[in-house]
């Protein structure tokens, strides 16, 4: 994964797709962005399998295939 300067991200909302191997970095990035008051949506294989875990650092988690997905929000 490329380095991302999350302090330079200027967005209304950020979506992050995570697999199990990238979940720790995705959670770290999500927590940092939320501290900056940027809402974060997590999706992908890992959040689908572990939605309760993924909700901790996110505002919303999308589970399932994109065509048939559902969401979990705080």
PDB file of N, CA and C in Angstrom:
ATOM      1  N   UNK A   1       0.841  -1.164   0.000  1.00  0.00           N
ATOM      2  CA  UNK A   1       0.000   0.000   0.000  1.00  0.00           C
ATOM      3  C   UNK A   1       0.893   1.234   0.000  1.00  0.00           C
ATOM      4  N   UNK A   2       0.559   2.198  -0.819  1.00  0.00           N
ATOM      5  CA  UNK A   2       1.312   3.448  -0.859  1.00  0.00           C
ATOM      6  C   UNK A   2       1.072   4.257   0.406  1.00  0.00           C
ATOM      7  N   UNK A   3       2.063   5.049   0.771  1.00  0.00           N
ATOM      8  CA  UNK A   3       1.898   5.975   1.887  1.00  0.00           C
ATOM      9  C   UNK A   3       0.907   7.065   1.489  1.00  0.00           C
ATOM     10  N   UNK A   4       0.044   7.423   2.412  1.00  0.00           N
ATOM     11  CA  UNK A   4      -0.948   8.464   2.178  1.00  0.00           C
ATOM     12  C   UNK A   4      -0.778   9.501   3.270  1.00  0.00           C
ATOM     13  N   UNK A   5      -0.644  10.757   2.872  1.00  0.00           N
ATOM     14  CA  UNK A   5      -0.567  11.830   3.853  1.00  0.00           C
ATOM     15  C   UNK A   5      -1.999  12.214   4.214  1.00  0.00           C
ATOM     16  N   UNK A   6      -2.542  11.578   5.242  1.00  0.00           N
ATOM     17  CA  UNK A   6      -3.947  11.789   5.590  1.00  0.00           C
ATOM     18  C   UNK A   6      -4.219  13.194   6.108  1.00  0.00           C
ATOM     19  N   UNK A   7      -3.185  13.930   6.465  1.00  0.00           N
ATOM     20  CA  UNK A   7      -3.383  15.317   6.879  1.00  0.00           C
ATOM     21  C   UNK A   7      -3.701  16.223   5.691  1.00  0.00           C
ATOM     22  N   UNK A   8      -3.416  15.754   4.495  1.00  0.00           N
ATOM     23  CA  UNK A   8      -3.662  16.560   3.290  1.00  0.00           C
ATOM     24  C   UNK A   8      -4.955  16.181   2.593  1.00  0.00           C
ATOM     25  N   UNK A   9      -5.648  15.180   3.071  1.00  0.00           N
ATOM     26  CA  UNK A   9      -6.905  14.769   2.452  1.00  0.00           C
ATOM     27  C   UNK A   9      -7.976  15.812   2.769  1.00  0.00           C
ATOM     28  N   UNK A  10      -8.601  16.327   1.722  1.00  0.00           N
ATOM     29  CA  UNK A  10      -9.686  17.290   1.859  1.00  0.00           C
ATOM     30  C   UNK A  10     -10.914  16.657   1.208  1.00  0.00           C
ATOM     31  N   UNK A  11     -11.769  16.047   2.024  1.00  0.00           N
ATOM     32  CA  UNK A  11     -12.918  15.319   1.493  1.00  0.00           C
ATOM     33  C   UNK A  11     -14.116  15.473   2.408  1.00  0.00           C
ATOM     34  N   UNK A  12     -15.295  15.306   1.837  1.00  0.00           N
ATOM     35  CA  UNK A  12     -16.526  15.322   2.621  1.00  0.00           C
ATOM     36  C   UNK A  12     -16.770  13.975   3.284  1.00  0.00           C
ATOM     37  N   UNK A  13     -16.298  12.911   2.644  1.00  0.00           N
ATOM     38  CA  UNK A  13     -16.447  11.546   3.147  1.00  0.00           C
ATOM     39  C   UNK A  13     -15.371  10.686   2.483  1.00  0.00           C
ATOM     40  N   UNK A  14     -14.900   9.651   3.177  1.00  0.00           N
ATOM     41  CA  UNK A  14     -13.888   8.753   2.618  1.00  0.00           C
ATOM     42  C   UNK A  14     -14.388   7.321   2.726  1.00  0.00           C
ATOM     43  N   UNK A  15     -14.266   6.556   1.643  1.00  0.00           N
ATOM     44  CA  UNK A  15     -14.589   5.135   1.621  1.00  0.00           C
ATOM     45  C   UNK A  15     -13.308   4.334   1.530  1.00  0.00           C
ATOM     46  N   UNK A  16     -13.201   3.310   2.370  1.00  0.00           N
ATOM     47  CA  UNK A  16     -12.008   2.464   2.394  1.00  0.00           C
ATOM     48  C   UNK A  16     -12.446   1.012   2.248  1.00  0.00           C
ATOM     49  N   UNK A  17     -11.879   0.315   1.282  1.00  0.00           N
ATOM     50  CA  UNK A  17     -12.134  -1.103   1.106  1.00  0.00           C
ATOM     51  C   UNK A  17     -10.974  -1.870   1.732  1.00  0.00           C
ATOM     52  N   UNK A  18     -11.302  -2.829   2.604  1.00  0.00           N
ATOM     53  CA  UNK A  18     -10.249  -3.519   3.352  1.00  0.00           C
ATOM     54  C   UNK A  18     -10.355  -5.033   3.221  1.00  0.00           C
ATOM     55  N   UNK A  19      -9.205  -5.660   3.041  1.00  0.00           N
ATOM     56  CA  UNK A  19      -9.101  -7.102   3.193  1.00  0.00           C
ATOM     57  C   UNK A  19      -8.426  -7.329   4.543  1.00  0.00           C
ATOM     58  N   UNK A  20      -8.373  -8.547   5.003  1.00  0.00           N
ATOM     59  CA  UNK A  20      -7.828  -8.813   6.329  1.00  0.00           C
ATOM     60  C   UNK A  20      -6.385  -8.319   6.462  1.00  0.00           C
ATOM     61  N   UNK A  21      -5.596  -8.470   5.436  1.00  0.00           N
ATOM     62  CA  UNK A  21      -4.204  -8.034   5.494  1.00  0.00           C
ATOM     63  C   UNK A  21      -4.034  -6.531   5.605  1.00  0.00           C
ATOM     64  N   UNK A  22      -5.005  -5.756   5.128  1.00  0.00           N
ATOM     65  CA  UNK A  22      -4.911  -4.301   5.207  1.00  0.00           C
ATOM     66  C   UNK A  22      -5.794  -3.710   6.298  1.00  0.00           C
ATOM     67  N   UNK A  23      -6.521  -4.540   7.024  1.00  0.00           N
ATOM     68  CA  UNK A  23      -7.460  -4.038   8.039  1.00  0.00           C
ATOM     69  C   UNK A  23      -6.781  -3.164   9.092  1.00  0.00           C
ATOM     70  N   UNK A  24      -5.651  -3.571   9.689  1.00  0.00           N
ATOM     71  CA  UNK A  24      -5.040  -2.697  10.699  1.00  0.00           C
ATOM     72  C   UNK A  24      -4.701  -1.303  10.164  1.00  0.00           C
ATOM     73  N   UNK A  25      -4.141  -1.236   8.971  1.00  0.00           N
ATOM     74  CA  UNK A  25      -3.806   0.071   8.376  1.00  0.00           C
ATOM     75  C   UNK A  25      -5.085   0.839   8.038  1.00  0.00           C
ATOM     76  N   UNK A  26      -6.103   0.149   7.558  1.00  0.00           N
ATOM     77  CA  UNK A  26      -7.374   0.794   7.242  1.00  0.00           C
ATOM     78  C   UNK A  26      -8.007   1.382   8.497  1.00  0.00           C
ATOM     79  N   UNK A  27      -7.942   0.646   9.585  1.00  0.00           N
ATOM     80  CA  UNK A  27      -8.501   1.135  10.852  1.00  0.00           C
ATOM     81  C   UNK A  27      -7.716   2.343  11.355  1.00  0.00           C
ATOM     82  N   UNK A  28      -6.397   2.292  11.216  1.00  0.00           N
ATOM     83  CA  UNK A  28      -5.554   3.410  11.639  1.00  0.00           C
ATOM     84  C   UNK A  28      -5.898   4.670  10.838  1.00  0.00           C
ATOM     85  N   UNK A  29      -6.010   4.512   9.523  1.00  0.00           N
ATOM     86  CA  UNK A  29      -6.336   5.639   8.653  1.00  0.00           C
ATOM     87  C   UNK A  29      -7.732   6.174   8.977  1.00  0.00           C
ATOM     88  N   UNK A  30      -8.667   5.268   9.189  1.00  0.00           N
ATOM     89  CA  UNK A  30     -10.034   5.662   9.516  1.00  0.00           C
ATOM     90  C   UNK A  30     -10.088   6.471  10.805  1.00  0.00           C
ATOM     91  N   UNK A  31      -9.415   6.000  11.835  1.00  0.00           N
ATOM     92  CA  UNK A  31      -9.415   6.702  13.119  1.00  0.00           C
ATOM     93  C   UNK A  31      -8.813   8.100  12.975  1.00  0.00           C
ATOM     94  N   UNK A  32      -7.745   8.206  12.199  1.00  0.00           N
ATOM     95  CA  UNK A  32      -7.110   9.508  11.992  1.00  0.00           C
ATOM     96  C   UNK A  32      -8.054  10.465  11.262  1.00  0.00           C
ATOM     97  N   UNK A  33      -8.705   9.984  10.222  1.00  0.00           N
ATOM     98  CA  UNK A  33      -9.618  10.836   9.458  1.00  0.00           C
ATOM     99  C   UNK A  33     -10.809  11.270  10.312  1.00  0.00           C
ATOM    100  N   UNK A  34     -11.324  10.368  11.127  1.00  0.00           N
ATOM    101  CA  UNK A  34     -12.461  10.717  11.978  1.00  0.00           C
ATOM    102  C   UNK A  34     -12.069  11.754  13.029  1.00  0.00           C
ATOM    103  N   UNK A  35     -10.834  11.718  13.498  1.00  0.00           N
ATOM    104  CA  UNK A  35     -10.375  12.765  14.419  1.00  0.00           C
ATOM    105  C   UNK A  35     -10.416  14.132  13.742  1.00  0.00           C
ATOM    106  N   UNK A  36     -10.259  14.130  12.419  1.00  0.00           N
ATOM    107  CA  UNK A  36     -10.337  15.368  11.641  1.00  0.00           C
ATOM    108  C   UNK A  36     -11.775  15.669  11.223  1.00  0.00           C
ATOM    109  N   UNK A  37     -12.730  14.903  11.742  1.00  0.00           N
ATOM    110  CA  UNK A  37     -14.157  15.065  11.468  1.00  0.00           C
ATOM    111  C   UNK A  37     -14.534  14.765  10.014  1.00  0.00           C
ATOM    112  N   UNK A  38     -13.814  13.845   9.401  1.00  0.00           N
ATOM    113  CA  UNK A  38     -14.147  13.366   8.067  1.00  0.00           C
ATOM    114  C   UNK A  38     -14.815  12.002   8.243  1.00  0.00           C
ATOM    115  N   UNK A  39     -16.091  11.864   7.856  1.00  0.00           N
ATOM    116  CA  UNK A  39     -16.772  10.574   7.998  1.00  0.00           C
ATOM    117  C   UNK A  39     -16.111   9.492   7.141  1.00  0.00           C
ATOM    118  N   UNK A  40     -16.081   8.271   7.684  1.00  0.00           N
ATOM    119  CA  UNK A  40     -15.439   7.154   6.998  1.00  0.00           C
ATOM    120  C   UNK A  40     -16.408   5.988   6.869  1.00  0.00           C
ATOM    121  N   UNK A  41     -16.466   5.421   5.661  1.00  0.00           N
ATOM    122  CA  UNK A  41     -17.234   4.219   5.373  1.00  0.00           C
ATOM    123  C   UNK A  41     -16.232   3.101   5.082  1.00  0.00           C
ATOM    124  N   UNK A  42     -16.318   2.009   5.820  1.00  0.00           N
ATOM    125  CA  UNK A  42     -15.457   0.849   5.568  1.00  0.00           C
ATOM    126  C   UNK A  42     -16.270  -0.241   4.884  1.00  0.00           C
ATOM    127  N   UNK A  43     -15.673  -0.884   3.901  1.00  0.00           N
ATOM    128  CA  UNK A  43     -16.303  -2.000   3.206  1.00  0.00           C
ATOM    129  C   UNK A  43     -15.243  -2.989   2.779  1.00  0.00           C
ATOM    130  N   UNK A  44     -15.667  -4.029   2.119  1.00  0.00           N
ATOM    131  CA  UNK A  44     -14.737  -5.045   1.646  1.00  0.00           C
ATOM    132  C   UNK A  44     -14.901  -6.344   2.417  1.00  0.00           C
ATOM    133  N   UNK A  45     -14.013  -7.271   2.139  1.00  0.00           N
ATOM    134  CA  UNK A  45     -14.110  -8.611   2.707  1.00  0.00           C
ATOM    135  C   UNK A  45     -14.004  -8.599   4.230  1.00  0.00           C
ATOM    136  N   UNK A  46     -13.003  -7.924   4.772  1.00  0.00           N
ATOM    137  CA  UNK A  46     -12.809  -7.965   6.221  1.00  0.00           C
ATOM    138  C   UNK A  46     -13.972  -7.326   6.983  1.00  0.00           C
ATOM    139  N   UNK A  47     -14.416  -6.125   6.629  1.00  0.00           N
ATOM    140  CA  UNK A  47     -15.575  -5.565   7.323  1.00  0.00           C
ATOM    141  C   UNK A  47     -16.843  -6.407   7.161  1.00  0.00           C
ATOM    142  N   UNK A  48     -16.969  -7.102   6.041  1.00  0.00           N
ATOM    143  CA  UNK A  48     -18.126  -7.984   5.853  1.00  0.00           C
ATOM    144  C   UNK A  48     -18.076  -9.145   6.839  1.00  0.00           C
ATOM    145  N   UNK A  49     -16.876  -9.700   7.050  1.00  0.00           N
ATOM    146  CA  UNK A  49     -16.738 -10.831   7.973  1.00  0.00           C
ATOM    147  C   UNK A  49     -16.699 -10.405   9.438  1.00  0.00           C
ATOM    148  N   UNK A  50     -16.246  -9.190   9.695  1.00  0.00           N
ATOM    149  CA  UNK A  50     -16.062  -8.688  11.071  1.00  0.00           C
ATOM    150  C   UNK A  50     -16.713  -7.311  11.235  1.00  0.00           C
ATOM    151  N   UNK A  51     -18.023  -7.186  11.005  1.00  0.00           N
ATOM    152  CA  UNK A  51     -18.635  -5.851  11.022  1.00  0.00           C
ATOM    153  C   UNK A  51     -18.574  -5.152  12.382  1.00  0.00           C
ATOM    154  N   UNK A  52     -18.693  -5.893  13.477  1.00  0.00           N
ATOM    155  CA  UNK A  52     -18.629  -5.252  14.796  1.00  0.00           C
ATOM    156  C   UNK A  52     -17.243  -4.671  15.052  1.00  0.00           C
ATOM    157  N   UNK A  53     -16.214  -5.395  14.653  1.00  0.00           N
ATOM    158  CA  UNK A  53     -14.847  -4.893  14.781  1.00  0.00           C
ATOM    159  C   UNK A  53     -14.645  -3.662  13.908  1.00  0.00           C
ATOM    160  N   UNK A  54     -15.122  -3.734  12.675  1.00  0.00           N
ATOM    161  CA  UNK A  54     -14.928  -2.639  11.723  1.00  0.00           C
ATOM    162  C   UNK A  54     -15.685  -1.375  12.126  1.00  0.00           C
ATOM    163  N   UNK A  55     -16.764  -1.505  12.882  1.00  0.00           N
ATOM    164  CA  UNK A  55     -17.523  -0.329  13.304  1.00  0.00           C
ATOM    165  C   UNK A  55     -16.764   0.527  14.305  1.00  0.00           C
ATOM    166  N   UNK A  56     -15.801  -0.048  15.004  1.00  0.00           N
ATOM    167  CA  UNK A  56     -15.083   0.725  16.025  1.00  0.00           C
ATOM    168  C   UNK A  56     -14.393   1.961  15.444  1.00  0.00           C
ATOM    169  N   UNK A  57     -13.643   1.840  14.345  1.00  0.00           N
ATOM    170  CA  UNK A  57     -12.970   3.025  13.824  1.00  0.00           C
ATOM    171  C   UNK A  57     -13.726   3.718  12.682  1.00  0.00           C
ATOM    172  N   UNK A  58     -14.965   3.302  12.385  1.00  0.00           N
ATOM    173  CA  UNK A  58     -15.690   3.846  11.229  1.00  0.00           C
ATOM    174  C   UNK A  58     -17.015   4.468  11.641  1.00  0.00           C
ATOM    175  N   UNK A  59     -17.580   5.238  10.731  1.00  0.00           N
ATOM    176  CA  UNK A  59     -18.923   5.780  10.929  1.00  0.00           C
ATOM    177  C   UNK A  59     -19.976   4.823  10.389  1.00  0.00           C
ATOM    178  N   UNK A  60     -19.642   4.167   9.291  1.00  0.00           N
ATOM    179  CA  UNK A  60     -20.555   3.224   8.645  1.00  0.00           C
ATOM    180  C   UNK A  60     -19.744   2.075   8.076  1.00  0.00           C
ATOM    181  N   UNK A  61     -20.328   0.876   8.122  1.00  0.00           N
ATOM    182  CA  UNK A  61     -19.716  -0.303   7.517  1.00  0.00           C
ATOM    183  C   UNK A  61     -20.693  -0.859   6.493  1.00  0.00           C
ATOM    184  N   UNK A  62     -20.179  -1.144   5.304  1.00  0.00           N
ATOM    185  CA  UNK A  62     -20.973  -1.760   4.245  1.00  0.00           C
ATOM    186  C   UNK A  62     -20.582  -3.223   4.189  1.00  0.00           C
ATOM    187  N   UNK A  63     -21.573  -4.108   4.282  1.00  0.00           N
ATOM    188  CA  UNK A  63     -21.292  -5.545   4.279  1.00  0.00           C
ATOM    189  C   UNK A  63     -21.908  -6.206   3.049  1.00  0.00           C
ATOM    190  N   UNK A  64     -21.242  -7.243   2.573  1.00  0.00           N
ATOM    191  CA  UNK A  64     -21.740  -8.008   1.439  1.00  0.00           C
ATOM    192  C   UNK A  64     -21.192  -7.490   0.117  1.00  0.00           C
ATOM    193  N   UNK A  65     -21.678  -8.122  -0.949  1.00  0.00           N
ATOM    194  CA  UNK A  65     -21.303  -7.703  -2.294  1.00  0.00           C
ATOM    195  C   UNK A  65     -21.943  -6.358  -2.591  1.00  0.00           C
ATOM    196  N   UNK A  66     -21.264  -5.546  -3.393  1.00  0.00           N
ATOM    197  CA  UNK A  66     -21.765  -4.203  -3.684  1.00  0.00           C
ATOM    198  C   UNK A  66     -23.176  -4.237  -4.270  1.00  0.00           C
ATOM    199  N   UNK A  67     -23.462  -5.241  -5.075  1.00  0.00           N
ATOM    200  CA  UNK A  67     -24.778  -5.324  -5.711  1.00  0.00           C
ATOM    201  C   UNK A  67     -25.875  -5.682  -4.698  1.00  0.00           C
ATOM    202  N   UNK A  68     -25.490  -6.294  -3.570  1.00  0.00           N
ATOM    203  CA  UNK A  68     -26.473  -6.754  -2.600  1.00  0.00           C
ATOM    204  C   UNK A  68     -26.104  -6.307  -1.191  1.00  0.00           C
ATOM    205  N   UNK A  69     -25.448  -5.176  -1.063  1.00  0.00           N
ATOM    206  CA  UNK A  69     -24.894  -4.778   0.217  1.00  0.00           C
ATOM    207  C   UNK A  69     -25.944  -4.194   1.164  1.00  0.00           C
ATOM    208  N   UNK A  70     -25.595  -4.219   2.439  1.00  0.00           N
ATOM    209  CA  UNK A  70     -26.374  -3.517   3.453  1.00  0.00           C
ATOM    210  C   UNK A  70     -25.391  -2.730   4.294  1.00  0.00           C
ATOM    211  N   UNK A  71     -25.879  -1.811   5.100  1.00  0.00           N
ATOM    212  CA  UNK A  71     -24.950  -0.998   5.880  1.00  0.00           C
ATOM    213  C   UNK A  71     -25.310  -1.040   7.351  1.00  0.00           C
ATOM    214  N   UNK A  72     -24.288  -0.779   8.148  1.00  0.00           N
ATOM    215  CA  UNK A  72     -24.441  -0.696   9.590  1.00  0.00           C
ATOM    216  C   UNK A  72     -23.890   0.658   9.982  1.00  0.00           C
ATOM    217  N   UNK A  73     -24.700   1.473  10.620  1.00  0.00           N
ATOM    218  CA  UNK A  73     -24.262   2.808  11.029  1.00  0.00           C
ATOM    219  C   UNK A  73     -24.382   2.960  12.523  1.00  0.00           C
ATOM    220  N   UNK A  74     -23.583   3.868  13.060  1.00  0.00           N
ATOM    221  CA  UNK A  74     -23.649   4.177  14.479  1.00  0.00           C
ATOM    222  C   UNK A  74     -24.873   5.013  14.756  1.00  0.00           C
TER     223      UNK A  74
END
